Amino acid sequence: MALFKKRAAGKPGEWFYCLEHKKVEEGPECPAKDRFGPYPTRQEAQRAMETAAERNLQWETDPKWHDRNDGRPGEEGA
């Protein structure tokens, strides 16, 4: 018996952005390793790369991750 069932089609209203094909999909068409989502709307899925870039910038500029002298996250002062 399979531990996880492979879902052939996504739920209506679930939107994904395929990183390999650089396109928006309704329901998961491509493997999970190649997509971002699900998103509630097509427009949000279209902005997937912009959203990822914004989140990366927030994370990179978060002072909690840059409080060591050697540039690694963790305890203060090293």
PDB file of N, CA and C in Angstrom:
ATOM      1  N   MET A   1       0.849  -1.173   0.000  1.00  0.00           N
ATOM      2  CA  MET A   1       0.000   0.000   0.000  1.00  0.00           C
ATOM      3  C   MET A   1       0.893   1.234   0.000  1.00  0.00           C
ATOM      4  N   ALA A   2       0.585   2.180  -0.851  1.00  0.00           N
ATOM      5  CA  ALA A   2       1.373   3.398  -0.964  1.00  0.00           C
ATOM      6  C   ALA A   2       1.146   4.283   0.253  1.00  0.00           C
ATOM      7  N   LEU A   3       2.215   4.877   0.716  1.00  0.00           N
ATOM      8  CA  LEU A   3       2.125   5.760   1.861  1.00  0.00           C
ATOM      9  C   LEU A   3       1.442   7.076   1.489  1.00  0.00           C
ATOM     10  N   PHE A   4       1.765   7.582   0.308  1.00  0.00           N
ATOM     11  CA  PHE A   4       1.153   8.809  -0.181  1.00  0.00           C
ATOM     12  C   PHE A   4       0.513   8.534  -1.534  1.00  0.00           C
ATOM     13  N   LYS A   5      -0.670   9.062  -1.716  1.00  0.00           N
ATOM     14  CA  LYS A   5      -1.341   8.922  -3.004  1.00  0.00           C
ATOM     15  C   LYS A   5      -0.911  10.053  -3.914  1.00  0.00           C
ATOM     16  N   LYS A   6      -0.619   9.741  -5.145  1.00  0.00           N
ATOM     17  CA  LYS A   6      -0.271  10.774  -6.119  1.00  0.00           C
ATOM     18  C   LYS A   6      -1.556  11.406  -6.617  1.00  0.00           C
ATOM     19  N   ARG A   7      -1.616  12.695  -6.469  1.00  0.00           N
ATOM     20  CA  ARG A   7      -2.811  13.422  -6.883  1.00  0.00           C
ATOM     21  C   ARG A   7      -2.645  13.787  -8.346  1.00  0.00           C
ATOM     22  N   ALA A   8      -3.525  13.292  -9.175  1.00  0.00           N
ATOM     23  CA  ALA A   8      -3.429  13.517 -10.616  1.00  0.00           C
ATOM     24  C   ALA A   8      -3.770  14.951 -10.994  1.00  0.00           C
ATOM     25  N   ALA A   9      -4.707  15.548 -10.292  1.00  0.00           N
ATOM     26  CA  ALA A   9      -5.118  16.909 -10.623  1.00  0.00           C
ATOM     27  C   ALA A   9      -5.293  17.691  -9.338  1.00  0.00           C
ATOM     28  N   GLY A  10      -5.035  18.965  -9.413  1.00  0.00           N
ATOM     29  CA  GLY A  10      -5.192  19.812  -8.238  1.00  0.00           C
ATOM     30  C   GLY A  10      -6.635  20.172  -8.007  1.00  0.00           C
ATOM     31  N   LYS A  11      -6.856  20.807  -6.896  1.00  0.00           N
ATOM     32  CA  LYS A  11      -8.189  21.286  -6.588  1.00  0.00           C
ATOM     33  C   LYS A  11      -8.471  22.527  -7.421  1.00  0.00           C
ATOM     34  N   PRO A  12      -9.688  22.703  -7.853  1.00  0.00           N
ATOM     35  CA  PRO A  12     -10.016  23.944  -8.568  1.00  0.00           C
ATOM     36  C   PRO A  12      -9.710  25.138  -7.661  1.00  0.00           C
ATOM     37  N   GLY A  13      -9.088  26.134  -8.230  1.00  0.00           N
ATOM     38  CA  GLY A  13      -8.745  27.308  -7.440  1.00  0.00           C
ATOM     39  C   GLY A  13      -7.373  27.265  -6.816  1.00  0.00           C
ATOM     40  N   GLU A  14      -6.646  26.160  -6.943  1.00  0.00           N
ATOM     41  CA  GLU A  14      -5.268  26.086  -6.478  1.00  0.00           C
ATOM     42  C   GLU A  14      -4.356  26.446  -7.639  1.00  0.00           C
ATOM     43  N   TRP A  15      -3.503  27.423  -7.426  1.00  0.00           N
ATOM     44  CA  TRP A  15      -2.621  27.897  -8.487  1.00  0.00           C
ATOM     45  C   TRP A  15      -1.174  27.690  -8.089  1.00  0.00           C
ATOM     46  N   PHE A  16      -0.355  27.321  -9.048  1.00  0.00           N
ATOM     47  CA  PHE A  16       1.060  27.057  -8.829  1.00  0.00           C
ATOM     48  C   PHE A  16       1.880  27.798  -9.879  1.00  0.00           C
ATOM     49  N   TYR A  17       3.154  28.038  -9.548  1.00  0.00           N
ATOM     50  CA  TYR A  17       4.075  28.596 -10.529  1.00  0.00           C
ATOM     51  C   TYR A  17       5.140  27.550 -10.785  1.00  0.00           C
ATOM     52  N   CYS A  18       5.275  27.104 -12.030  1.00  0.00           N
ATOM     53  CA  CYS A  18       6.254  26.094 -12.406  1.00  0.00           C
ATOM     54  C   CYS A  18       7.586  26.782 -12.684  1.00  0.00           C
ATOM     55  N   LEU A  19       8.608  26.400 -11.927  1.00  0.00           N
ATOM     56  CA  LEU A  19       9.935  26.993 -12.073  1.00  0.00           C
ATOM     57  C   LEU A  19      10.629  26.525 -13.344  1.00  0.00           C
ATOM     58  N   GLU A  20      10.331  25.318 -13.785  1.00  0.00           N
ATOM     59  CA  GLU A  20      10.979  24.780 -14.974  1.00  0.00           C
ATOM     60  C   GLU A  20      10.410  25.399 -16.247  1.00  0.00           C
ATOM     61  N   HIS A  21       9.088  25.470 -16.332  1.00  0.00           N
ATOM     62  CA  HIS A  21       8.434  25.980 -17.540  1.00  0.00           C
ATOM     63  C   HIS A  21       8.130  27.477 -17.472  1.00  0.00           C
ATOM     64  N   LYS A  22       8.337  28.061 -16.276  1.00  0.00           N
ATOM     65  CA  LYS A  22       8.083  29.485 -16.047  1.00  0.00           C
ATOM     66  C   LYS A  22       6.674  29.886 -16.468  1.00  0.00           C
ATOM     67  N   LYS A  23       5.717  29.103 -15.926  1.00  0.00           N
ATOM     68  CA  LYS A  23       4.319  29.395 -16.235  1.00  0.00           C
ATOM     69  C   LYS A  23       3.439  29.074 -15.042  1.00  0.00           C
ATOM     70  N   VAL A  24       2.249  29.654 -15.055  1.00  0.00           N
ATOM     71  CA  VAL A  24       1.260  29.434 -14.008  1.00  0.00           C
ATOM     72  C   VAL A  24       0.422  28.222 -14.385  1.00  0.00           C
ATOM     73  N   GLU A  25       0.137  27.385 -13.385  1.00  0.00           N
ATOM     74  CA  GLU A  25      -0.678  26.183 -13.604  1.00  0.00           C
ATOM     75  C   GLU A  25      -1.834  26.176 -12.617  1.00  0.00           C
ATOM     76  N   GLU A  26      -2.997  25.767 -13.077  1.00  0.00           N
ATOM     77  CA  GLU A  26      -4.099  25.533 -12.140  1.00  0.00           C
ATOM     78  C   GLU A  26      -4.029  24.079 -11.748  1.00  0.00           C
ATOM     79  N   GLY A  27      -3.791  23.851 -10.489  1.00  0.00           N
ATOM     80  CA  GLY A  27      -3.561  22.488 -10.014  1.00  0.00           C
ATOM     81  C   GLY A  27      -2.128  22.096 -10.318  1.00  0.00           C
ATOM     82  N   PRO A  28      -1.577  21.158  -9.547  1.00  0.00           N
ATOM     83  CA  PRO A  28      -0.180  20.783  -9.771  1.00  0.00           C
ATOM     84  C   PRO A  28      -0.019  19.933 -11.022  1.00  0.00           C
ATOM     85  N   GLU A  29       0.599  20.482 -12.043  1.00  0.00           N
ATOM     86  CA  GLU A  29       0.873  19.726 -13.260  1.00  0.00           C
ATOM     87  C   GLU A  29       2.292  19.166 -13.233  1.00  0.00           C
ATOM     88  N   CYS A  30       3.217  19.933 -12.686  1.00  0.00           N
ATOM     89  CA  CYS A  30       4.624  19.534 -12.653  1.00  0.00           C
ATOM     90  C   CYS A  30       4.979  19.009 -11.262  1.00  0.00           C
ATOM     91  N   PRO A  31       6.105  18.297 -11.143  1.00  0.00           N
ATOM     92  CA  PRO A  31       6.508  17.765  -9.840  1.00  0.00           C
ATOM     93  C   PRO A  31       6.703  18.877  -8.800  1.00  0.00           C
ATOM     94  N   ALA A  32       6.501  18.538  -7.535  1.00  0.00           N
ATOM     95  CA  ALA A  32       6.592  19.510  -6.449  1.00  0.00           C
ATOM     96  C   ALA A  32       7.957  20.190  -6.412  1.00  0.00           C
ATOM     97  N   LYS A  33       9.013  19.490  -6.785  1.00  0.00           N
ATOM     98  CA  LYS A  33      10.359  20.079  -6.738  1.00  0.00           C
ATOM     99  C   LYS A  33      10.513  21.216  -7.739  1.00  0.00           C
ATOM    100  N   ASP A  34       9.611  21.314  -8.697  1.00  0.00           N
ATOM    101  CA  ASP A  34       9.703  22.317  -9.756  1.00  0.00           C
ATOM    102  C   ASP A  34       8.664  23.423  -9.641  1.00  0.00           C
ATOM    103  N   ARG A  35       8.004  23.554  -8.489  1.00  0.00           N
ATOM    104  CA  ARG A  35       6.939  24.555  -8.439  1.00  0.00           C
ATOM    105  C   ARG A  35       6.853  25.240  -7.080  1.00  0.00           C
ATOM    106  N   PHE A  36       6.286  26.442  -7.101  1.00  0.00           N
ATOM    107  CA  PHE A  36       5.922  27.195  -5.908  1.00  0.00           C
ATOM    108  C   PHE A  36       4.406  27.145  -5.807  1.00  0.00           C
ATOM    109  N   GLY A  37       3.894  27.113  -4.596  1.00  0.00           N
ATOM    110  CA  GLY A  37       2.455  27.156  -4.403  1.00  0.00           C
ATOM    111  C   GLY A  37       1.996  26.134  -3.400  1.00  0.00           C
ATOM    112  N   PRO A  38       0.719  26.056  -3.178  1.00  0.00           N
ATOM    113  CA  PRO A  38      -0.372  26.681  -3.923  1.00  0.00           C
ATOM    114  C   PRO A  38      -0.616  28.123  -3.511  1.00  0.00           C
ATOM    115  N   TYR A  39      -1.160  28.858  -4.441  1.00  0.00           N
ATOM    116  CA  TYR A  39      -1.586  30.232  -4.237  1.00  0.00           C
ATOM    117  C   TYR A  39      -3.091  30.278  -4.429  1.00  0.00           C
ATOM    118  N   PRO A  40      -3.769  31.196  -3.732  1.00  0.00           N
ATOM    119  CA  PRO A  40      -5.229  31.254  -3.847  1.00  0.00           C
ATOM    120  C   PRO A  40      -5.735  31.841  -5.161  1.00  0.00           C
ATOM    121  N   THR A  41      -4.892  32.634  -5.841  1.00  0.00           N
ATOM    122  CA  THR A  41      -5.337  33.248  -7.095  1.00  0.00           C
ATOM    123  C   THR A  41      -4.262  33.109  -8.167  1.00  0.00           C
ATOM    124  N   ARG A  42      -4.690  33.216  -9.404  1.00  0.00           N
ATOM    125  CA  ARG A  42      -3.756  33.177 -10.537  1.00  0.00           C
ATOM    126  C   ARG A  42      -2.762  34.339 -10.469  1.00  0.00           C
ATOM    127  N   GLN A  43      -3.254  35.510 -10.062  1.00  0.00           N
ATOM    128  CA  GLN A  43      -2.405  36.693  -9.980  1.00  0.00           C
ATOM    129  C   GLN A  43      -1.280  36.500  -8.966  1.00  0.00           C
ATOM    130  N   GLU A  44      -1.585  35.892  -7.830  1.00  0.00           N
ATOM    131  CA  GLU A  44      -0.544  35.646  -6.830  1.00  0.00           C
ATOM    132  C   GLU A  44       0.483  34.646  -7.354  1.00  0.00           C
ATOM    133  N   ALA A  45       0.032  33.642  -8.077  1.00  0.00           N
ATOM    134  CA  ALA A  45       0.958  32.669  -8.663  1.00  0.00           C
ATOM    135  C   ALA A  45       1.847  33.343  -9.704  1.00  0.00           C
ATOM    136  N   GLN A  46       1.301  34.293 -10.454  1.00  0.00           N
ATOM    137  CA  GLN A  46       2.095  35.021 -11.453  1.00  0.00           C
ATOM    138  C   GLN A  46       3.192  35.843 -10.791  1.00  0.00           C
ATOM    139  N   ARG A  47       2.979  36.274  -9.566  1.00  0.00           N
ATOM    140  CA  ARG A  47       3.959  37.064  -8.821  1.00  0.00           C
ATOM    141  C   ARG A  47       4.893  36.194  -7.985  1.00  0.00           C
ATOM    142  N   ALA A  48       4.900  34.895  -8.164  1.00  0.00           N
ATOM    143  CA  ALA A  48       5.659  33.981  -7.306  1.00  0.00           C
ATOM    144  C   ALA A  48       7.132  34.349  -7.206  1.00  0.00           C
ATOM    145  N   MET A  49       7.761  34.659  -8.318  1.00  0.00           N
ATOM    146  CA  MET A  49       9.186  34.982  -8.300  1.00  0.00           C
ATOM    147  C   MET A  49       9.438  36.320  -7.601  1.00  0.00           C
ATOM    148  N   GLU A  50       8.551  37.278  -7.800  1.00  0.00           N
ATOM    149  CA  GLU A  50       8.679  38.563  -7.104  1.00  0.00           C
ATOM    150  C   GLU A  50       8.498  38.379  -5.605  1.00  0.00           C
ATOM    151  N   THR A  51       7.503  37.585  -5.218  1.00  0.00           N
ATOM    152  CA  THR A  51       7.256  37.311  -3.806  1.00  0.00           C
ATOM    153  C   THR A  51       8.468  36.636  -3.178  1.00  0.00           C
ATOM    154  N   ALA A  52       9.051  35.663  -3.865  1.00  0.00           N
ATOM    155  CA  ALA A  52      10.235  34.969  -3.355  1.00  0.00           C
ATOM    156  C   ALA A  52      11.400  35.946  -3.191  1.00  0.00           C
ATOM    157  N   ALA A  53      11.601  36.833  -4.159  1.00  0.00           N
ATOM    158  CA  ALA A  53      12.683  37.813  -4.079  1.00  0.00           C
ATOM    159  C   ALA A  53      12.466  38.759  -2.896  1.00  0.00           C
ATOM    160  N   GLU A  54      11.227  39.196  -2.680  1.00  0.00           N
ATOM    161  CA  GLU A  54      10.913  40.078  -1.554  1.00  0.00           C
ATOM    162  C   GLU A  54      11.182  39.375  -0.234  1.00  0.00           C
ATOM    163  N   ARG A  55      10.774  38.123  -0.113  1.00  0.00           N
ATOM    164  CA  ARG A  55      10.998  37.362   1.124  1.00  0.00           C
ATOM    165  C   ARG A  55      12.485  37.112   1.353  1.00  0.00           C
ATOM    166  N   ASN A  56      13.220  36.830   0.291  1.00  0.00           N
ATOM    167  CA  ASN A  56      14.663  36.634   0.426  1.00  0.00           C
ATOM    168  C   ASN A  56      15.333  37.903   0.930  1.00  0.00           C
ATOM    169  N   LEU A  57      14.936  39.058   0.400  1.00  0.00           N
ATOM    170  CA  LEU A  57      15.504  40.323   0.831  1.00  0.00           C
ATOM    171  C   LEU A  57      15.189  40.592   2.303  1.00  0.00           C
ATOM    172  N   GLN A  58      13.959  40.318   2.703  1.00  0.00           N
ATOM    173  CA  GLN A  58      13.586  40.488   4.114  1.00  0.00           C
ATOM    174  C   GLN A  58      14.452  39.610   5.001  1.00  0.00           C
ATOM    175  N   TRP A  59      14.668  38.386   4.602  1.00  0.00           N
ATOM    176  CA  TRP A  59      15.450  37.449   5.391  1.00  0.00           C
ATOM    177  C   TRP A  59      16.920  37.879   5.437  1.00  0.00           C
ATOM    178  N   GLU A  60      17.454  38.310   4.303  1.00  0.00           N
ATOM    179  CA  GLU A  60      18.850  38.720   4.232  1.00  0.00           C
ATOM    180  C   GLU A  60      19.126  39.978   5.048  1.00  0.00           C
ATOM    181  N   THR A  61      18.128  40.833   5.217  1.00  0.00           N
ATOM    182  CA  THR A  61      18.328  42.068   5.959  1.00  0.00           C
ATOM    183  C   THR A  61      17.788  41.988   7.383  1.00  0.00           C
ATOM    184  N   ASP A  62      17.335  40.831   7.815  1.00  0.00           N
ATOM    185  CA  ASP A  62      16.831  40.644   9.177  1.00  0.00           C
ATOM    186  C   ASP A  62      18.007  40.661  10.157  1.00  0.00           C
ATOM    187  N   PRO A  63      18.022  41.602  11.096  1.00  0.00           N
ATOM    188  CA  PRO A  63      19.159  41.698  12.018  1.00  0.00           C
ATOM    189  C   PRO A  63      19.354  40.446  12.877  1.00  0.00           C
ATOM    190  N   LYS A  64      18.310  39.668  13.088  1.00  0.00           N
ATOM    191  CA  LYS A  64      18.464  38.441  13.890  1.00  0.00           C
ATOM    192  C   LYS A  64      19.414  37.455  13.218  1.00  0.00           C
ATOM    193  N   TRP A  65      19.572  37.554  11.898  1.00  0.00           N
ATOM    194  CA  TRP A  65      20.435  36.630  11.168  1.00  0.00           C
ATOM    195  C   TRP A  65      21.824  37.201  10.940  1.00  0.00           C
ATOM    196  N   HIS A  66      22.060  38.443  11.378  1.00  0.00           N
ATOM    197  CA  HIS A  66      23.346  39.079  11.130  1.00  0.00           C
ATOM    198  C   HIS A  66      23.896  39.712  12.401  1.00  0.00           C
ATOM    199  N   ASP A  67      23.862  38.969  13.501  1.00  0.00           N
ATOM    200  CA  ASP A  67      24.297  39.526  14.771  1.00  0.00           C
ATOM    201  C   ASP A  67      25.647  38.974  15.235  1.00  0.00           C
ATOM    202  N   ARG A  68      26.358  38.229  14.392  1.00  0.00           N
ATOM    203  CA  ARG A  68      27.682  37.717  14.747  1.00  0.00           C
ATOM    204  C   ARG A  68      28.747  38.446  13.938  1.00  0.00           C
ATOM    205  N   ASN A  69      29.910  38.522  14.503  1.00  0.00           N
ATOM    206  CA  ASN A  69      31.009  39.188  13.811  1.00  0.00           C
ATOM    207  C   ASN A  69      31.505  38.401  12.607  1.00  0.00           C
ATOM    208  N   ASP A  70      31.336  37.078  12.626  1.00  0.00           N
ATOM    209  CA  ASP A  70      31.845  36.266  11.516  1.00  0.00           C
ATOM    210  C   ASP A  70      30.837  36.098  10.391  1.00  0.00           C
ATOM    211  N   GLY A  71      29.684  36.781  10.473  1.00  0.00           N
ATOM    212  CA  GLY A  71      28.710  36.750   9.391  1.00  0.00           C
ATOM    213  C   GLY A  71      27.753  35.563   9.424  1.00  0.00           C
ATOM    214  N   ARG A  72      27.900  34.655  10.391  1.00  0.00           N
ATOM    215  CA  ARG A  72      27.004  33.505  10.468  1.00  0.00           C
ATOM    216  C   ARG A  72      25.899  33.793  11.476  1.00  0.00           C
ATOM    217  N   PRO A  73      24.705  33.234  11.268  1.00  0.00           N
ATOM    218  CA  PRO A  73      23.628  33.435  12.250  1.00  0.00           C
ATOM    219  C   PRO A  73      23.986  32.738  13.553  1.00  0.00           C
ATOM    220  N   GLY A  74      23.492  33.278  14.644  1.00  0.00           N
ATOM    221  CA  GLY A  74      23.700  32.591  15.915  1.00  0.00           C
ATOM    222  C   GLY A  74      23.942  33.564  17.038  1.00  0.00           C
ATOM    223  N   GLU A  75      24.774  33.160  17.991  1.00  0.00           N
ATOM    224  CA  GLU A  75      25.031  33.950  19.179  1.00  0.00           C
ATOM    225  C   GLU A  75      25.764  35.238  18.838  1.00  0.00           C
ATOM    226  N   GLU A  76      25.548  36.260  19.694  1.00  0.00           N
ATOM    227  CA  GLU A  76      26.200  37.543  19.442  1.00  0.00           C
ATOM    228  C   GLU A  76      27.681  37.455  19.733  1.00  0.00           C
ATOM    229  N   GLY A  77      28.453  38.203  18.956  1.00  0.00           N
ATOM    230  CA  GLY A  77      29.893  38.266  19.160  1.00  0.00           C
ATOM    231  C   GLY A  77      30.564  36.920  19.017  1.00  0.00           C
ATOM    232  N   ALA A  78      31.546  36.837  18.261  1.00  0.00           N
ATOM    233  CA  ALA A  78      32.253  35.559  18.142  1.00  0.00           C
ATOM    234  C   ALA A  78      33.715  35.818  17.933  1.00  0.00           C
TER     235      ALA A  78
END
